[in-house]
């Protein structure tokens, strides 16, 4: 889903899994930071 950039279901799944363990919320920004070419500006920042 991440590779296909289907972010809506990914976000919903992360939110659901955050009820299992709250730390899952860290992946909400990381999913977007990791998109794009390797060592892109978002990752470097």
ModelCIF file with pLDDT and N, C-alpha, C, O atoms, coordinates in Angstrom:
data_MODEL
#
_entry.id   MODEL 
#
_entity.id                         1 
_entity.type                       polymer 
_entity.pdbx_number_of_molecules   1 
#
_entity_poly.entity_id                      1 
_entity_poly.type                           'polypeptide(L)' 
_entity_poly.nstd_linkage                   no 
_entity_poly.nstd_monomer                   no 
_entity_poly.pdbx_seq_one_letter_code       
;(UNK)(UNK)(UNK)(UNK)(UNK)(UNK)(UNK)(UNK)(UNK)(UNK)(UNK)(UNK)(UNK)(UNK)(UNK)(UNK)
(UNK)(UNK)(UNK)(UNK)(UNK)(UNK)(UNK)(UNK)(UNK)(UNK)(UNK)(UNK)(UNK)(UNK)(UNK)(UNK)
(UNK)(UNK)(UNK)(UNK)(UNK)(UNK)(UNK)(UNK)(UNK)(UNK)(UNK)(UNK)(UNK)
;
_entity_poly.pdbx_seq_one_letter_code_can   XXXXXXXXXXXXXXXXXXXXXXXXXXXXXXXXXXXXXXXXXXXXX 
_entity_poly.pdbx_strand_id                 A 
#
loop_
_entity_poly_seq.entity_id 
_entity_poly_seq.num 
_entity_poly_seq.mon_id 
_entity_poly_seq.hetero 
1 1  UNK n 
1 2  UNK n 
1 3  UNK n 
1 4  UNK n 
1 5  UNK n 
1 6  UNK n 
1 7  UNK n 
1 8  UNK n 
1 9  UNK n 
1 10 UNK n 
1 11 UNK n 
1 12 UNK n 
1 13 UNK n 
1 14 UNK n 
1 15 UNK n 
1 16 UNK n 
1 17 UNK n 
1 18 UNK n 
1 19 UNK n 
1 20 UNK n 
1 21 UNK n 
1 22 UNK n 
1 23 UNK n 
1 24 UNK n 
1 25 UNK n 
1 26 UNK n 
1 27 UNK n 
1 28 UNK n 
1 29 UNK n 
1 30 UNK n 
1 31 UNK n 
1 32 UNK n 
1 33 UNK n 
1 34 UNK n 
1 35 UNK n 
1 36 UNK n 
1 37 UNK n 
1 38 UNK n 
1 39 UNK n 
1 40 UNK n 
1 41 UNK n 
1 42 UNK n 
1 43 UNK n 
1 44 UNK n 
1 45 UNK n 
#
_struct_asym.id          A 
_struct_asym.entity_id   1 
#
loop_
_ma_qa_metric.id 
_ma_qa_metric.mode 
_ma_qa_metric.name 
_ma_qa_metric.software_group_id 
_ma_qa_metric.type 
1 global pLDDT . pLDDT 
2 local  pLDDT . pLDDT 
#
_ma_qa_metric_global.metric_id      1 
_ma_qa_metric_global.metric_value   94.22 
_ma_qa_metric_global.model_id       1 
_ma_qa_metric_global.ordinal_id     1 
#
loop_
_ma_qa_metric_local.label_asym_id 
_ma_qa_metric_local.label_comp_id 
_ma_qa_metric_local.label_seq_id 
_ma_qa_metric_local.metric_id 
_ma_qa_metric_local.metric_value 
_ma_qa_metric_local.model_id 
_ma_qa_metric_local.ordinal_id 
A UNK 1  2 97.00 1 1  
A UNK 2  2 97.00 1 2  
A UNK 3  2 95.00 1 3  
A UNK 4  2 94.00 1 4  
A UNK 5  2 94.00 1 5  
A UNK 6  2 96.00 1 6  
A UNK 7  2 95.00 1 7  
A UNK 8  2 96.00 1 8  
A UNK 9  2 97.00 1 9  
A UNK 10 2 97.00 1 10 
A UNK 11 2 97.00 1 11 
A UNK 12 2 97.00 1 12 
A UNK 13 2 97.00 1 13 
A UNK 14 2 97.00 1 14 
A UNK 15 2 96.00 1 15 
A UNK 16 2 96.00 1 16 
A UNK 17 2 97.00 1 17 
A UNK 18 2 94.00 1 18 
A UNK 19 2 94.00 1 19 
A UNK 20 2 95.00 1 20 
A UNK 21 2 93.00 1 21 
A UNK 22 2 90.00 1 22 
A UNK 23 2 90.00 1 23 
A UNK 24 2 93.00 1 24 
A UNK 25 2 92.00 1 25 
A UNK 26 2 91.00 1 26 
A UNK 27 2 94.00 1 27 
A UNK 28 2 93.00 1 28 
A UNK 29 2 92.00 1 29 
A UNK 30 2 94.00 1 30 
A UNK 31 2 95.00 1 31 
A UNK 32 2 93.00 1 32 
A UNK 33 2 93.00 1 33 
A UNK 34 2 95.00 1 34 
A UNK 35 2 93.00 1 35 
A UNK 36 2 94.00 1 36 
A UNK 37 2 95.00 1 37 
A UNK 38 2 95.00 1 38 
A UNK 39 2 95.00 1 39 
A UNK 40 2 93.00 1 40 
A UNK 41 2 92.00 1 41 
A UNK 42 2 92.00 1 42 
A UNK 43 2 92.00 1 43 
A UNK 44 2 91.00 1 44 
A UNK 45 2 92.00 1 45 
#
loop_
_atom_site.group_PDB 
_atom_site.id 
_atom_site.type_symbol 
_atom_site.label_atom_id 
_atom_site.label_alt_id 
_atom_site.label_comp_id 
_atom_site.label_asym_id 
_atom_site.label_entity_id 
_atom_site.label_seq_id 
_atom_site.pdbx_PDB_ins_code 
_atom_site.Cartn_x 
_atom_site.Cartn_y 
_atom_site.Cartn_z 
_atom_site.occupancy 
_atom_site.B_iso_or_equiv 
_atom_site.pdbx_formal_charge 
_atom_site.auth_seq_id 
_atom_site.auth_comp_id 
_atom_site.auth_asym_id 
_atom_site.auth_atom_id 
_atom_site.pdbx_PDB_model_num 
ATOM 1   N N  . UNK A 1 1  ? 0.835  -1.209 0.000  1.00 97.00 ? 1  UNK A N  1 
ATOM 2   C CA . UNK A 1 1  ? 0.000  0.000  0.000  1.00 97.00 ? 1  UNK A CA 1 
ATOM 3   C C  . UNK A 1 1  ? 0.872  1.262  0.000  1.00 97.00 ? 1  UNK A C  1 
ATOM 4   O O  . UNK A 1 1  ? 0.553  2.240  -0.677 1.00 97.00 ? 1  UNK A O  1 
ATOM 5   N N  . UNK A 1 2  ? 1.969  1.235  0.760  1.00 97.00 ? 2  UNK A N  1 
ATOM 6   C CA . UNK A 1 2  ? 2.879  2.383  0.773  1.00 97.00 ? 2  UNK A CA 1 
ATOM 7   C C  . UNK A 1 2  ? 3.483  2.608  -0.604 1.00 97.00 ? 2  UNK A C  1 
ATOM 8   O O  . UNK A 1 2  ? 3.572  3.745  -1.067 1.00 97.00 ? 2  UNK A O  1 
ATOM 9   N N  . UNK A 1 3  ? 3.899  1.530  -1.259 1.00 95.00 ? 3  UNK A N  1 
ATOM 10  C CA . UNK A 1 3  ? 4.524  1.640  -2.575 1.00 95.00 ? 3  UNK A CA 1 
ATOM 11  C C  . UNK A 1 3  ? 3.540  2.176  -3.615 1.00 95.00 ? 3  UNK A C  1 
ATOM 12  O O  . UNK A 1 3  ? 3.921  2.894  -4.539 1.00 95.00 ? 3  UNK A O  1 
ATOM 13  N N  . UNK A 1 4  ? 2.275  1.813  -3.447 1.00 94.00 ? 4  UNK A N  1 
ATOM 14  C CA . UNK A 1 4  ? 1.238  2.303  -4.364 1.00 94.00 ? 4  UNK A CA 1 
ATOM 15  C C  . UNK A 1 4  ? 0.706  3.672  -3.939 1.00 94.00 ? 4  UNK A C  1 
ATOM 16  O O  . UNK A 1 4  ? -0.182 4.231  -4.583 1.00 94.00 ? 4  UNK A O  1 
ATOM 17  N N  . UNK A 1 5  ? 1.262  4.206  -2.841 1.00 94.00 ? 5  UNK A N  1 
ATOM 18  C CA . UNK A 1 5  ? 0.885  5.516  -2.303 1.00 94.00 ? 5  UNK A CA 1 
ATOM 19  C C  . UNK A 1 5  ? -0.600 5.594  -1.964 1.00 94.00 ? 5  UNK A C  1 
ATOM 20  O O  . UNK A 1 5  ? -1.241 6.628  -2.148 1.00 94.00 ? 5  UNK A O  1 
ATOM 21  N N  . UNK A 1 6  ? -1.123 4.496  -1.472 1.00 96.00 ? 6  UNK A N  1 
ATOM 22  C CA . UNK A 1 6  ? -2.501 4.477  -0.985 1.00 96.00 ? 6  UNK A CA 1 
ATOM 23  C C  . UNK A 1 6  ? -2.483 4.835  0.498  1.00 96.00 ? 6  UNK A C  1 
ATOM 24  O O  . UNK A 1 6  ? -2.612 3.973  1.367  1.00 96.00 ? 6  UNK A O  1 
ATOM 25  N N  . UNK A 1 7  ? -2.321 6.118  0.759  1.00 95.00 ? 7  UNK A N  1 
ATOM 26  C CA . UNK A 1 7  ? -2.060 6.585  2.107  1.00 95.00 ? 7  UNK A CA 1 
ATOM 27  C C  . UNK A 1 7  ? -3.270 6.475  3.037  1.00 95.00 ? 7  UNK A C  1 
ATOM 28  O O  . UNK A 1 7  ? -3.112 6.238  4.234  1.00 95.00 ? 7  UNK A O  1 
ATOM 29  N N  . UNK A 1 8  ? -4.461 6.644  2.498  1.00 96.00 ? 8  UNK A N  1 
ATOM 30  C CA . UNK A 1 8  ? -5.646 6.623  3.364  1.00 96.00 ? 8  UNK A CA 1 
ATOM 31  C C  . UNK A 1 8  ? -5.777 5.307  4.128  1.00 96.00 ? 8  UNK A C  1 
ATOM 32  O O  . UNK A 1 8  ? -5.915 5.339  5.351  1.00 96.00 ? 8  UNK A O  1 
ATOM 33  N N  . UNK A 1 9  ? -5.739 4.138  3.453  1.00 97.00 ? 9  UNK A N  1 
ATOM 34  C CA . UNK A 1 9  ? -5.814 2.889  4.221  1.00 97.00 ? 9  UNK A CA 1 
ATOM 35  C C  . UNK A 1 9  ? -4.609 2.680  5.129  1.00 97.00 ? 9  UNK A C  1 
ATOM 36  O O  . UNK A 1 9  ? -4.742 2.093  6.203  1.00 97.00 ? 9  UNK A O  1 
ATOM 37  N N  . UNK A 1 10 ? -3.431 3.152  4.712  1.00 97.00 ? 10 UNK A N  1 
ATOM 38  C CA . UNK A 1 10 ? -2.238 3.021  5.556  1.00 97.00 ? 10 UNK A CA 1 
ATOM 39  C C  . UNK A 1 10 ? -2.419 3.797  6.853  1.00 97.00 ? 10 UNK A C  1 
ATOM 40  O O  . UNK A 1 10 ? -2.125 3.285  7.933  1.00 97.00 ? 10 UNK A O  1 
ATOM 41  N N  . UNK A 1 11 ? -2.902 5.030  6.750  1.00 97.00 ? 11 UNK A N  1 
ATOM 42  C CA . UNK A 1 11 ? -3.128 5.866  7.932  1.00 97.00 ? 11 UNK A CA 1 
ATOM 43  C C  . UNK A 1 11 ? -4.163 5.224  8.848  1.00 97.00 ? 11 UNK A C  1 
ATOM 44  O O  . UNK A 1 11 ? -3.988 5.205  10.066 1.00 97.00 ? 11 UNK A O  1 
ATOM 45  N N  . UNK A 1 12 ? -5.246 4.695  8.265  1.00 97.00 ? 12 UNK A N  1 
ATOM 46  C CA . UNK A 1 12 ? -6.278 4.041  9.066  1.00 97.00 ? 12 UNK A CA 1 
ATOM 47  C C  . UNK A 1 12 ? -5.710 2.836  9.818  1.00 97.00 ? 12 UNK A C  1 
ATOM 48  O O  . UNK A 1 12 ? -6.020 2.628  10.991 1.00 97.00 ? 12 UNK A O  1 
ATOM 49  N N  . UNK A 1 13 ? -4.879 2.047  9.137  1.00 97.00 ? 13 UNK A N  1 
ATOM 50  C CA . UNK A 1 13 ? -4.276 0.861  9.766  1.00 97.00 ? 13 UNK A CA 1 
ATOM 51  C C  . UNK A 1 13 ? -3.324 1.272  10.885 1.00 97.00 ? 13 UNK A C  1 
ATOM 52  O O  . UNK A 1 13 ? -3.301 0.646  11.944 1.00 97.00 ? 13 UNK A O  1 
ATOM 53  N N  . UNK A 1 14 ? -2.536 2.327  10.652 1.00 97.00 ? 14 UNK A N  1 
ATOM 54  C CA . UNK A 1 14 ? -1.624 2.817  11.693 1.00 97.00 ? 14 UNK A CA 1 
ATOM 55  C C  . UNK A 1 14 ? -2.404 3.283  12.915 1.00 97.00 ? 14 UNK A C  1 
ATOM 56  O O  . UNK A 1 14 ? -2.029 2.988  14.050 1.00 97.00 ? 14 UNK A O  1 
ATOM 57  N N  . UNK A 1 15 ? -3.495 4.016  12.676 1.00 96.00 ? 15 UNK A N  1 
ATOM 58  C CA . UNK A 1 15 ? -4.316 4.490  13.787 1.00 96.00 ? 15 UNK A CA 1 
ATOM 59  C C  . UNK A 1 15 ? -4.929 3.325  14.551 1.00 96.00 ? 15 UNK A C  1 
ATOM 60  O O  . UNK A 1 15 ? -4.996 3.347  15.780 1.00 96.00 ? 15 UNK A O  1 
ATOM 61  N N  . UNK A 1 16 ? -5.378 2.301  13.815 1.00 96.00 ? 16 UNK A N  1 
ATOM 62  C CA . UNK A 1 16 ? -5.955 1.127  14.468 1.00 96.00 ? 16 UNK A CA 1 
ATOM 63  C C  . UNK A 1 16 ? -4.898 0.400  15.295 1.00 96.00 ? 16 UNK A C  1 
ATOM 64  O O  . UNK A 1 16 ? -5.157 -0.005 16.428 1.00 96.00 ? 16 UNK A O  1 
ATOM 65  N N  . UNK A 1 17 ? -3.706 0.237  14.720 1.00 97.00 ? 17 UNK A N  1 
ATOM 66  C CA . UNK A 1 17 ? -2.637 -0.479 15.422 1.00 97.00 ? 17 UNK A CA 1 
ATOM 67  C C  . UNK A 1 17 ? -2.074 0.334  16.585 1.00 97.00 ? 17 UNK A C  1 
ATOM 68  O O  . UNK A 1 17 ? -1.472 -0.227 17.501 1.00 97.00 ? 17 UNK A O  1 
ATOM 69  N N  . UNK A 1 18 ? -2.265 1.649  16.552 1.00 94.00 ? 18 UNK A N  1 
ATOM 70  C CA . UNK A 1 18 ? -1.803 2.469  17.678 1.00 94.00 ? 18 UNK A CA 1 
ATOM 71  C C  . UNK A 1 18 ? -2.615 2.182  18.938 1.00 94.00 ? 18 UNK A C  1 
ATOM 72  O O  . UNK A 1 18 ? -2.180 2.508  20.043 1.00 94.00 ? 18 UNK A O  1 
ATOM 73  N N  . UNK A 1 19 ? -3.798 1.570  18.778 1.00 94.00 ? 19 UNK A N  1 
ATOM 74  C CA . UNK A 1 19 ? -4.564 1.151  19.957 1.00 94.00 ? 19 UNK A CA 1 
ATOM 75  C C  . UNK A 1 19 ? -3.984 -0.125 20.555 1.00 94.00 ? 19 UNK A C  1 
ATOM 76  O O  . UNK A 1 19 ? -4.256 -0.461 21.708 1.00 94.00 ? 19 UNK A O  1 
ATOM 77  N N  . UNK A 1 20 ? -3.171 -0.841 19.752 1.00 95.00 ? 20 UNK A N  1 
ATOM 78  C CA . UNK A 1 20 ? -2.432 -2.004 20.260 1.00 95.00 ? 20 UNK A CA 1 
ATOM 79  C C  . UNK A 1 20 ? -1.186 -1.524 20.996 1.00 95.00 ? 20 UNK A C  1 
ATOM 80  O O  . UNK A 1 20 ? -0.879 -1.990 22.093 1.00 95.00 ? 20 UNK A O  1 
ATOM 81  N N  . UNK A 1 21 ? -0.468 -0.577 20.370 1.00 93.00 ? 21 UNK A N  1 
ATOM 82  C CA . UNK A 1 21 ? 0.692  0.043  21.016 1.00 93.00 ? 21 UNK A CA 1 
ATOM 83  C C  . UNK A 1 21 ? 0.820  1.465  20.501 1.00 93.00 ? 21 UNK A C  1 
ATOM 84  O O  . UNK A 1 21 ? 0.961  1.686  19.298 1.00 93.00 ? 21 UNK A O  1 
ATOM 85  N N  . UNK A 1 22 ? 0.769  2.428  21.409 1.00 90.00 ? 22 UNK A N  1 
ATOM 86  C CA . UNK A 1 22 ? 0.737  3.840  21.047 1.00 90.00 ? 22 UNK A CA 1 
ATOM 87  C C  . UNK A 1 22 ? 1.913  4.310  20.217 1.00 90.00 ? 22 UNK A C  1 
ATOM 88  O O  . UNK A 1 22 ? 1.790  5.286  19.476 1.00 90.00 ? 22 UNK A O  1 
ATOM 89  N N  . UNK A 1 23 ? 3.057  3.635  20.323 1.00 90.00 ? 23 UNK A N  1 
ATOM 90  C CA . UNK A 1 23 ? 4.249  4.052  19.586 1.00 90.00 ? 23 UNK A CA 1 
ATOM 91  C C  . UNK A 1 23 ? 4.074  3.950  18.078 1.00 90.00 ? 23 UNK A C  1 
ATOM 92  O O  . UNK A 1 23 ? 4.863  4.524  17.328 1.00 90.00 ? 23 UNK A O  1 
ATOM 93  N N  . UNK A 1 24 ? 3.044  3.221  17.618 1.00 93.00 ? 24 UNK A N  1 
ATOM 94  C CA . UNK A 1 24 ? 2.807  3.062  16.178 1.00 93.00 ? 24 UNK A CA 1 
ATOM 95  C C  . UNK A 1 24 ? 2.564  4.409  15.503 1.00 93.00 ? 24 UNK A C  1 
ATOM 96  O O  . UNK A 1 24 ? 2.770  4.541  14.297 1.00 93.00 ? 24 UNK A O  1 
ATOM 97  N N  . UNK A 1 25 ? 2.130  5.402  16.263 1.00 92.00 ? 25 UNK A N  1 
ATOM 98  C CA . UNK A 1 25 ? 1.839  6.722  15.699 1.00 92.00 ? 25 UNK A CA 1 
ATOM 99  C C  . UNK A 1 25 ? 3.081  7.380  15.098 1.00 92.00 ? 25 UNK A C  1 
ATOM 100 O O  . UNK A 1 25 ? 2.961  8.275  14.261 1.00 92.00 ? 25 UNK A O  1 
ATOM 101 N N  . UNK A 1 26 ? 4.278  6.943  15.517 1.00 91.00 ? 26 UNK A N  1 
ATOM 102 C CA . UNK A 1 26 ? 5.508  7.497  14.950 1.00 91.00 ? 26 UNK A CA 1 
ATOM 103 C C  . UNK A 1 26 ? 5.575  7.270  13.447 1.00 91.00 ? 26 UNK A C  1 
ATOM 104 O O  . UNK A 1 26 ? 6.255  8.006  12.732 1.00 91.00 ? 26 UNK A O  1 
ATOM 105 N N  . UNK A 1 27 ? 4.857  6.235  12.962 1.00 94.00 ? 27 UNK A N  1 
ATOM 106 C CA . UNK A 1 27 ? 4.917  5.912  11.544 1.00 94.00 ? 27 UNK A CA 1 
ATOM 107 C C  . UNK A 1 27 ? 4.057  6.831  10.683 1.00 94.00 ? 27 UNK A C  1 
ATOM 108 O O  . UNK A 1 27 ? 4.185  6.807  9.459  1.00 94.00 ? 27 UNK A O  1 
ATOM 109 N N  . UNK A 1 28 ? 3.193  7.631  11.277 1.00 93.00 ? 28 UNK A N  1 
ATOM 110 C CA . UNK A 1 28 ? 2.385  8.562  10.478 1.00 93.00 ? 28 UNK A CA 1 
ATOM 111 C C  . UNK A 1 28 ? 3.269  9.533  9.693  1.00 93.00 ? 28 UNK A C  1 
ATOM 112 O O  . UNK A 1 28 ? 3.068  9.676  8.487  1.00 93.00 ? 28 UNK A O  1 
ATOM 113 N N  . UNK A 1 29 ? 4.240  10.208 10.323 1.00 92.00 ? 29 UNK A N  1 
ATOM 114 C CA . UNK A 1 29 ? 5.141  11.048 9.511  1.00 92.00 ? 29 UNK A CA 1 
ATOM 115 C C  . UNK A 1 29 ? 6.177  10.245 8.744  1.00 92.00 ? 29 UNK A C  1 
ATOM 116 O O  . UNK A 1 29 ? 6.550  10.621 7.633  1.00 92.00 ? 29 UNK A O  1 
ATOM 117 N N  . UNK A 1 30 ? 6.654  9.136  9.324  1.00 94.00 ? 30 UNK A N  1 
ATOM 118 C CA . UNK A 1 30 ? 7.734  8.376  8.691  1.00 94.00 ? 30 UNK A CA 1 
ATOM 119 C C  . UNK A 1 30 ? 7.308  7.799  7.345  1.00 94.00 ? 30 UNK A C  1 
ATOM 120 O O  . UNK A 1 30 ? 8.116  7.737  6.418  1.00 94.00 ? 30 UNK A O  1 
ATOM 121 N N  . UNK A 1 31 ? 6.058  7.378  7.227  1.00 95.00 ? 31 UNK A N  1 
ATOM 122 C CA . UNK A 1 31 ? 5.556  6.837  5.958  1.00 95.00 ? 31 UNK A CA 1 
ATOM 123 C C  . UNK A 1 31 ? 5.755  7.847  4.830  1.00 95.00 ? 31 UNK A C  1 
ATOM 124 O O  . UNK A 1 31 ? 6.070  7.466  3.702  1.00 95.00 ? 31 UNK A O  1 
ATOM 125 N N  . UNK A 1 32 ? 5.575  9.117  5.128  1.00 93.00 ? 32 UNK A N  1 
ATOM 126 C CA . UNK A 1 32 ? 5.719  10.156 4.105  1.00 93.00 ? 32 UNK A CA 1 
ATOM 127 C C  . UNK A 1 32 ? 7.190  10.557 3.924  1.00 93.00 ? 32 UNK A C  1 
ATOM 128 O O  . UNK A 1 32 ? 7.626  10.856 2.812  1.00 93.00 ? 32 UNK A O  1 
ATOM 129 N N  . UNK A 1 33 ? 7.941  10.559 5.022  1.00 93.00 ? 33 UNK A N  1 
ATOM 130 C CA . UNK A 1 33 ? 9.363  10.901 4.944  1.00 93.00 ? 33 UNK A CA 1 
ATOM 131 C C  . UNK A 1 33 ? 10.118 9.884  4.080  1.00 93.00 ? 33 UNK A C  1 
ATOM 132 O O  . UNK A 1 33 ? 11.027 10.253 3.337  1.00 93.00 ? 33 UNK A O  1 
ATOM 133 N N  . UNK A 1 34 ? 9.744  8.616  4.177  1.00 95.00 ? 34 UNK A N  1 
ATOM 134 C CA . UNK A 1 34 ? 10.472 7.551  3.480  1.00 95.00 ? 34 UNK A CA 1 
ATOM 135 C C  . UNK A 1 34 ? 10.098 7.430  2.004  1.00 95.00 ? 34 UNK A C  1 
ATOM 136 O O  . UNK A 1 34 ? 10.749 6.694  1.263  1.00 95.00 ? 34 UNK A O  1 
ATOM 137 N N  . UNK A 1 35 ? 9.059  8.142  1.569  1.00 93.00 ? 35 UNK A N  1 
ATOM 138 C CA . UNK A 1 35 ? 8.685  8.087  0.157  1.00 93.00 ? 35 UNK A CA 1 
ATOM 139 C C  . UNK A 1 35 ? 9.674  8.887  -0.690 1.00 93.00 ? 35 UNK A C  1 
ATOM 140 O O  . UNK A 1 35 ? 10.303 9.827  -0.204 1.00 93.00 ? 35 UNK A O  1 
ATOM 141 N N  . UNK A 1 36 ? 9.804  8.507  -1.945 1.00 94.00 ? 36 UNK A N  1 
ATOM 142 C CA . UNK A 1 36 ? 10.718 9.213  -2.843 1.00 94.00 ? 36 UNK A CA 1 
ATOM 143 C C  . UNK A 1 36 ? 12.041 8.490  -2.976 1.00 94.00 ? 36 UNK A C  1 
ATOM 144 O O  . UNK A 1 36 ? 12.201 7.378  -2.473 1.00 94.00 ? 36 UNK A O  1 
ATOM 145 N N  . UNK A 1 37 ? 12.981 9.113  -3.644 1.00 95.00 ? 37 UNK A N  1 
ATOM 146 C CA . UNK A 1 37 ? 14.277 8.492  -3.889 1.00 95.00 ? 37 UNK A CA 1 
ATOM 147 C C  . UNK A 1 37 ? 15.067 8.323  -2.585 1.00 95.00 ? 37 UNK A C  1 
ATOM 148 O O  . UNK A 1 37 ? 14.837 9.019  -1.597 1.00 95.00 ? 37 UNK A O  1 
ATOM 149 N N  . UNK A 1 38 ? 15.991 7.386  -2.623 1.00 95.00 ? 38 UNK A N  1 
ATOM 150 C CA . UNK A 1 38 ? 16.846 7.155  -1.455 1.00 95.00 ? 38 UNK A CA 1 
ATOM 151 C C  . UNK A 1 38 ? 17.672 8.399  -1.159 1.00 95.00 ? 38 UNK A C  1 
ATOM 152 O O  . UNK A 1 38 ? 18.180 9.059  -2.066 1.00 95.00 ? 38 UNK A O  1 
ATOM 153 N N  . UNK A 1 39 ? 17.794 8.701  0.111  1.00 95.00 ? 39 UNK A N  1 
ATOM 154 C CA . UNK A 1 39 ? 18.548 9.864  0.572  1.00 95.00 ? 39 UNK A CA 1 
ATOM 155 C C  . UNK A 1 39 ? 17.960 11.160 0.008  1.00 95.00 ? 39 UNK A C  1 
ATOM 156 O O  . UNK A 1 39 ? 18.701 12.067 -0.370 1.00 95.00 ? 39 UNK A O  1 
ATOM 157 N N  . UNK A 1 40 ? 16.632 11.244 -0.047 1.00 93.00 ? 40 UNK A N  1 
ATOM 158 C CA . UNK A 1 40 ? 16.012 12.481 -0.517 1.00 93.00 ? 40 UNK A CA 1 
ATOM 159 C C  . UNK A 1 40 ? 16.066 13.550 0.573  1.00 93.00 ? 40 UNK A C  1 
ATOM 160 O O  . UNK A 1 40 ? 16.529 13.295 1.685  1.00 93.00 ? 40 UNK A O  1 
ATOM 161 N N  . UNK A 1 41 ? 15.588 14.748 0.239  1.00 92.00 ? 41 UNK A N  1 
ATOM 162 C CA . UNK A 1 41 ? 15.703 15.878 1.164  1.00 92.00 ? 41 UNK A CA 1 
ATOM 163 C C  . UNK A 1 41 ? 14.963 15.634 2.479  1.00 92.00 ? 41 UNK A C  1 
ATOM 164 O O  . UNK A 1 41 ? 15.447 16.011 3.546  1.00 92.00 ? 41 UNK A O  1 
ATOM 165 N N  . UNK A 1 42 ? 13.778 14.997 2.399  1.00 92.00 ? 42 UNK A N  1 
ATOM 166 C CA . UNK A 1 42 ? 13.004 14.736 3.624  1.00 92.00 ? 42 UNK A CA 1 
ATOM 167 C C  . UNK A 1 42 ? 13.779 13.828 4.566  1.00 92.00 ? 42 UNK A C  1 
ATOM 168 O O  . UNK A 1 42 ? 13.813 14.052 5.776  1.00 92.00 ? 42 UNK A O  1 
ATOM 169 N N  . UNK A 1 43 ? 14.405 12.793 3.995  1.00 92.00 ? 43 UNK A N  1 
ATOM 170 C CA . UNK A 1 43 ? 15.162 11.856 4.824  1.00 92.00 ? 43 UNK A CA 1 
ATOM 171 C C  . UNK A 1 43 ? 16.386 12.524 5.429  1.00 92.00 ? 43 UNK A C  1 
ATOM 172 O O  . UNK A 1 43 ? 16.705 12.321 6.600  1.00 92.00 ? 43 UNK A O  1 
ATOM 173 N N  . UNK A 1 44 ? 17.064 13.318 4.622  1.00 91.00 ? 44 UNK A N  1 
ATOM 174 C CA . UNK A 1 44 ? 18.262 14.021 5.101  1.00 91.00 ? 44 UNK A CA 1 
ATOM 175 C C  . UNK A 1 44 ? 17.890 15.007 6.209  1.00 91.00 ? 44 UNK A C  1 
ATOM 176 O O  . UNK A 1 44 ? 18.613 15.136 7.197  1.00 91.00 ? 44 UNK A O  1 
ATOM 177 N N  . UNK A 1 45 ? 16.760 15.701 6.042  1.00 92.00 ? 45 UNK A N  1 
ATOM 178 C CA . UNK A 1 45 ? 16.317 16.647 7.081  1.00 92.00 ? 45 UNK A CA 1 
ATOM 179 C C  . UNK A 1 45 ? 16.010 15.918 8.388  1.00 92.00 ? 45 UNK A C  1 
ATOM 180 O O  . UNK A 1 45 ? 15.625 16.550 9.371  1.00 92.00 ? 45 UNK A O  1 
#
